Amino acid sequence: GATAVSVCLPPGPNAEIATQAIELGLHVICEKPPGRTVQQAERMAIAAEQHPELVNVIAFNRRYAPLYVRAIETARSLSQPHTFYGRFTRPGLG
């Protein structure tokens, strides 16, 4: 059977389906946002916390945003990066 799912649905149903998949023991990659409400996002986070053996990811992907492009170029000038963590607090940051 399946071991992982990719949830590519509109906000709202995506959170419910992703949460159910986690509860069924599946690895999940879910497109952003993680729900329409804070409660949906929190429910998904709680389900993920209850299943630390699973990989669960929200696909907040901004790889073509100008700030990210500059960051990856700078990182590659130092060495080959493996992981990036970013926090965007204003839309104007790209």
N, C-alpha and C. Protein backbone atom coordinates (compact mmCIF):
# COMPACT_ATOMS: atom_id res chain seq x y z
N GLY A 1 0.80 -1.19 0.00
CA GLY A 1 0.00 0.00 0.00
C GLY A 1 0.85 1.26 0.00
N ALA A 2 0.19 2.35 -0.01
CA ALA A 2 0.86 3.65 -0.04
C ALA A 2 1.58 3.91 1.28
N THR A 3 2.71 4.61 1.18
CA THR A 3 3.43 5.03 2.39
C THR A 3 3.46 6.54 2.53
N ALA A 4 3.13 7.26 1.44
CA ALA A 4 3.18 8.72 1.46
C ALA A 4 2.13 9.29 0.53
N VAL A 5 1.73 10.53 0.82
CA VAL A 5 0.79 11.24 -0.05
C VAL A 5 1.27 12.67 -0.25
N SER A 6 0.92 13.20 -1.38
CA SER A 6 1.13 14.61 -1.68
C SER A 6 -0.26 15.23 -1.77
N VAL A 7 -0.54 16.18 -0.89
CA VAL A 7 -1.88 16.78 -0.82
C VAL A 7 -1.84 18.12 -1.55
N CYS A 8 -2.48 18.17 -2.70
CA CYS A 8 -2.50 19.37 -3.54
C CYS A 8 -3.94 19.81 -3.75
N LEU A 9 -4.52 20.35 -2.71
CA LEU A 9 -5.92 20.77 -2.72
C LEU A 9 -6.03 22.22 -2.27
N PRO A 10 -7.17 22.84 -2.47
CA PRO A 10 -7.36 24.21 -1.96
C PRO A 10 -7.26 24.26 -0.44
N PRO A 11 -7.00 25.46 0.12
CA PRO A 11 -6.96 25.60 1.57
C PRO A 11 -8.25 25.13 2.20
N GLY A 12 -8.14 24.47 3.31
CA GLY A 12 -9.30 23.92 4.01
C GLY A 12 -9.31 22.43 3.84
N PRO A 13 -9.76 21.95 2.67
CA PRO A 13 -9.72 20.49 2.46
C PRO A 13 -8.30 19.94 2.56
N ASN A 14 -7.29 20.73 2.15
CA ASN A 14 -5.92 20.21 2.21
C ASN A 14 -5.54 19.86 3.65
N ALA A 15 -5.90 20.71 4.60
CA ALA A 15 -5.56 20.47 6.00
C ALA A 15 -6.27 19.22 6.53
N GLU A 16 -7.53 19.08 6.19
CA GLU A 16 -8.28 17.93 6.68
C GLU A 16 -7.73 16.62 6.11
N ILE A 17 -7.47 16.60 4.82
CA ILE A 17 -6.93 15.39 4.18
C ILE A 17 -5.54 15.07 4.71
N ALA A 18 -4.69 16.10 4.83
CA ALA A 18 -3.33 15.88 5.35
C ALA A 18 -3.38 15.33 6.77
N THR A 19 -4.23 15.88 7.61
CA THR A 19 -4.35 15.41 8.99
C THR A 19 -4.81 13.96 9.03
N GLN A 20 -5.79 13.64 8.23
CA GLN A 20 -6.28 12.25 8.18
C GLN A 20 -5.18 11.31 7.69
N ALA A 21 -4.41 11.75 6.71
CA ALA A 21 -3.32 10.90 6.19
C ALA A 21 -2.27 10.65 7.27
N ILE A 22 -1.92 11.69 8.02
CA ILE A 22 -0.96 11.51 9.12
C ILE A 22 -1.52 10.51 10.13
N GLU A 23 -2.78 10.68 10.48
CA GLU A 23 -3.41 9.79 11.46
C GLU A 23 -3.47 8.35 10.96
N LEU A 24 -3.45 8.16 9.64
CA LEU A 24 -3.44 6.81 9.06
C LEU A 24 -2.02 6.25 8.96
N GLY A 25 -1.03 7.05 9.34
CA GLY A 25 0.35 6.56 9.33
C GLY A 25 1.09 6.81 8.04
N LEU A 26 0.66 7.81 7.27
CA LEU A 26 1.32 8.12 5.99
C LEU A 26 2.23 9.34 6.13
N HIS A 27 3.34 9.33 5.41
CA HIS A 27 4.17 10.52 5.27
C HIS A 27 3.39 11.50 4.40
N VAL A 28 3.52 12.83 4.68
CA VAL A 28 2.69 13.81 3.98
C VAL A 28 3.52 15.01 3.55
N ILE A 29 3.33 15.43 2.30
CA ILE A 29 3.74 16.76 1.86
C ILE A 29 2.44 17.45 1.46
N CYS A 30 2.18 18.59 2.09
CA CYS A 30 0.93 19.31 1.88
C CYS A 30 1.23 20.69 1.34
N GLU A 31 0.56 21.07 0.28
CA GLU A 31 0.74 22.41 -0.28
C GLU A 31 0.26 23.46 0.71
N LYS A 32 0.84 24.63 0.62
CA LYS A 32 0.47 25.74 1.50
C LYS A 32 -0.88 26.30 1.09
N PRO A 33 -1.55 27.01 1.95
CA PRO A 33 -1.29 27.16 3.37
C PRO A 33 -1.77 25.93 4.13
N PRO A 34 -1.37 25.80 5.39
CA PRO A 34 -1.74 24.61 6.15
C PRO A 34 -3.16 24.67 6.71
N GLY A 35 -4.08 25.25 5.96
CA GLY A 35 -5.47 25.33 6.38
C GLY A 35 -6.02 26.73 6.24
N ARG A 36 -7.33 26.83 6.40
CA ARG A 36 -8.00 28.14 6.35
C ARG A 36 -8.01 28.83 7.70
N THR A 37 -7.83 28.04 8.75
CA THR A 37 -7.90 28.60 10.10
C THR A 37 -6.69 28.14 10.91
N VAL A 38 -6.44 28.86 11.98
CA VAL A 38 -5.38 28.46 12.91
C VAL A 38 -5.69 27.08 13.47
N GLN A 39 -6.96 26.82 13.74
CA GLN A 39 -7.35 25.53 14.31
C GLN A 39 -7.00 24.37 13.38
N GLN A 40 -7.23 24.55 12.08
CA GLN A 40 -6.87 23.49 11.13
C GLN A 40 -5.36 23.25 11.13
N ALA A 41 -4.60 24.32 11.12
CA ALA A 41 -3.14 24.19 11.13
C ALA A 41 -2.66 23.54 12.43
N GLU A 42 -3.25 23.94 13.54
CA GLU A 42 -2.86 23.36 14.82
C GLU A 42 -3.21 21.88 14.89
N ARG A 43 -4.35 21.51 14.36
CA ARG A 43 -4.75 20.09 14.36
C ARG A 43 -3.76 19.26 13.56
N MET A 44 -3.32 19.79 12.41
CA MET A 44 -2.34 19.09 11.59
C MET A 44 -1.01 18.98 12.34
N ALA A 45 -0.60 20.07 13.00
CA ALA A 45 0.65 20.06 13.76
C ALA A 45 0.60 19.05 14.91
N ILE A 46 -0.53 18.98 15.59
CA ILE A 46 -0.68 18.03 16.69
C ILE A 46 -0.60 16.60 16.16
N ALA A 47 -1.26 16.33 15.05
CA ALA A 47 -1.20 14.99 14.46
C ALA A 47 0.25 14.63 14.11
N ALA A 48 0.99 15.60 13.54
CA ALA A 48 2.39 15.36 13.19
C ALA A 48 3.23 15.10 14.44
N GLU A 49 2.99 15.86 15.50
CA GLU A 49 3.72 15.66 16.76
C GLU A 49 3.45 14.29 17.35
N GLN A 50 2.24 13.79 17.16
CA GLN A 50 1.87 12.48 17.69
C GLN A 50 2.45 11.33 16.88
N HIS A 51 3.02 11.66 15.70
CA HIS A 51 3.62 10.65 14.83
C HIS A 51 5.01 11.10 14.40
N PRO A 52 5.96 11.15 15.36
CA PRO A 52 7.30 11.63 15.02
C PRO A 52 8.06 10.71 14.06
N GLU A 53 7.56 9.51 13.86
CA GLU A 53 8.21 8.58 12.93
C GLU A 53 7.91 8.93 11.47
N LEU A 54 6.97 9.85 11.26
CA LEU A 54 6.57 10.22 9.90
C LEU A 54 7.21 11.54 9.48
N VAL A 55 7.43 11.67 8.19
CA VAL A 55 7.88 12.94 7.62
C VAL A 55 6.65 13.69 7.17
N ASN A 56 6.49 14.90 7.69
CA ASN A 56 5.35 15.74 7.33
C ASN A 56 5.86 17.13 7.01
N VAL A 57 5.50 17.64 5.81
CA VAL A 57 6.04 18.89 5.33
C VAL A 57 4.93 19.76 4.74
N ILE A 58 4.98 21.06 5.05
CA ILE A 58 4.14 22.03 4.35
C ILE A 58 5.02 22.65 3.28
N ALA A 59 4.54 22.66 2.06
CA ALA A 59 5.35 23.11 0.92
C ALA A 59 5.28 24.63 0.76
N PHE A 60 5.96 25.33 1.67
CA PHE A 60 6.12 26.78 1.53
C PHE A 60 7.35 26.99 0.66
N ASN A 61 7.16 26.95 -0.62
CA ASN A 61 8.30 26.97 -1.52
C ASN A 61 8.40 28.33 -2.21
N ARG A 62 9.45 29.01 -1.95
CA ARG A 62 9.69 30.33 -2.55
C ARG A 62 11.03 30.34 -3.28
N ARG A 63 11.39 29.25 -3.93
CA ARG A 63 12.73 29.14 -4.50
C ARG A 63 13.06 30.19 -5.54
N TYR A 64 12.06 30.83 -6.14
CA TYR A 64 12.34 31.86 -7.14
C TYR A 64 12.16 33.28 -6.60
N ALA A 65 11.87 33.41 -5.32
CA ALA A 65 11.76 34.74 -4.71
C ALA A 65 13.15 35.38 -4.71
N PRO A 66 13.25 36.68 -5.02
CA PRO A 66 14.56 37.33 -5.10
C PRO A 66 15.42 37.15 -3.84
N LEU A 67 14.82 37.22 -2.67
CA LEU A 67 15.58 37.05 -1.44
C LEU A 67 16.18 35.65 -1.35
N TYR A 68 15.41 34.65 -1.72
CA TYR A 68 15.91 33.27 -1.69
C TYR A 68 17.02 33.08 -2.71
N VAL A 69 16.84 33.61 -3.90
CA VAL A 69 17.86 33.48 -4.95
C VAL A 69 19.19 34.07 -4.46
N ARG A 70 19.14 35.25 -3.84
CA ARG A 70 20.36 35.86 -3.30
C ARG A 70 20.96 34.99 -2.19
N ALA A 71 20.11 34.45 -1.33
CA ALA A 71 20.60 33.62 -0.23
C ALA A 71 21.27 32.36 -0.75
N ILE A 72 20.68 31.69 -1.72
CA ILE A 72 21.27 30.46 -2.24
C ILE A 72 22.58 30.75 -2.97
N GLU A 73 22.64 31.86 -3.70
CA GLU A 73 23.89 32.23 -4.38
C GLU A 73 25.00 32.49 -3.37
N THR A 74 24.67 33.20 -2.30
CA THR A 74 25.66 33.47 -1.25
C THR A 74 26.11 32.17 -0.58
N ALA A 75 25.15 31.31 -0.25
CA ALA A 75 25.49 30.04 0.40
C ALA A 75 26.36 29.18 -0.50
N ARG A 76 26.04 29.11 -1.79
CA ARG A 76 26.83 28.29 -2.72
C ARG A 76 28.25 28.83 -2.90
N SER A 77 28.44 30.13 -2.68
CA SER A 77 29.80 30.67 -2.79
C SER A 77 30.65 30.20 -1.60
N LEU A 78 30.00 29.74 -0.52
CA LEU A 78 30.72 29.26 0.66
C LEU A 78 30.89 27.74 0.64
N SER A 79 29.85 27.01 0.29
CA SER A 79 29.88 25.55 0.17
C SER A 79 28.52 25.10 -0.36
N GLN A 80 28.34 23.80 -0.51
CA GLN A 80 27.07 23.28 -1.01
C GLN A 80 26.07 23.17 0.13
N PRO A 81 24.97 23.95 0.11
CA PRO A 81 23.99 23.88 1.19
C PRO A 81 23.15 22.60 1.10
N HIS A 82 22.65 22.17 2.24
CA HIS A 82 21.77 21.00 2.31
C HIS A 82 20.35 21.38 2.67
N THR A 83 20.21 22.41 3.51
CA THR A 83 18.90 22.81 4.00
C THR A 83 18.87 24.31 4.18
N PHE A 84 17.71 24.89 3.90
CA PHE A 84 17.52 26.31 4.17
C PHE A 84 16.28 26.47 5.04
N TYR A 85 16.36 27.42 5.93
CA TYR A 85 15.20 27.81 6.71
C TYR A 85 15.04 29.31 6.51
N GLY A 86 13.87 29.74 6.16
CA GLY A 86 13.64 31.16 5.96
C GLY A 86 12.36 31.60 6.61
N ARG A 87 12.32 32.87 6.95
CA ARG A 87 11.11 33.43 7.54
C ARG A 87 10.82 34.75 6.83
N PHE A 88 9.70 34.82 6.16
CA PHE A 88 9.30 36.00 5.44
C PHE A 88 8.24 36.71 6.27
N THR A 89 8.53 37.94 6.64
CA THR A 89 7.59 38.65 7.50
C THR A 89 6.85 39.76 6.80
N ARG A 90 7.31 40.11 5.60
CA ARG A 90 6.62 41.16 4.83
C ARG A 90 6.61 40.75 3.36
N PRO A 91 5.52 40.98 2.64
CA PRO A 91 5.46 40.62 1.24
C PRO A 91 6.55 41.29 0.42
N GLY A 92 6.98 42.47 0.78
CA GLY A 92 7.99 43.19 0.02
C GLY A 92 9.36 42.55 0.04
N LEU A 93 9.56 41.54 0.88
CA LEU A 93 10.86 40.89 0.95
C LEU A 93 11.06 39.88 -0.18
N GLY A 94 10.02 39.64 -0.96
CA GLY A 94 10.17 38.74 -2.10
C GLY A 94 9.75 37.35 -1.83
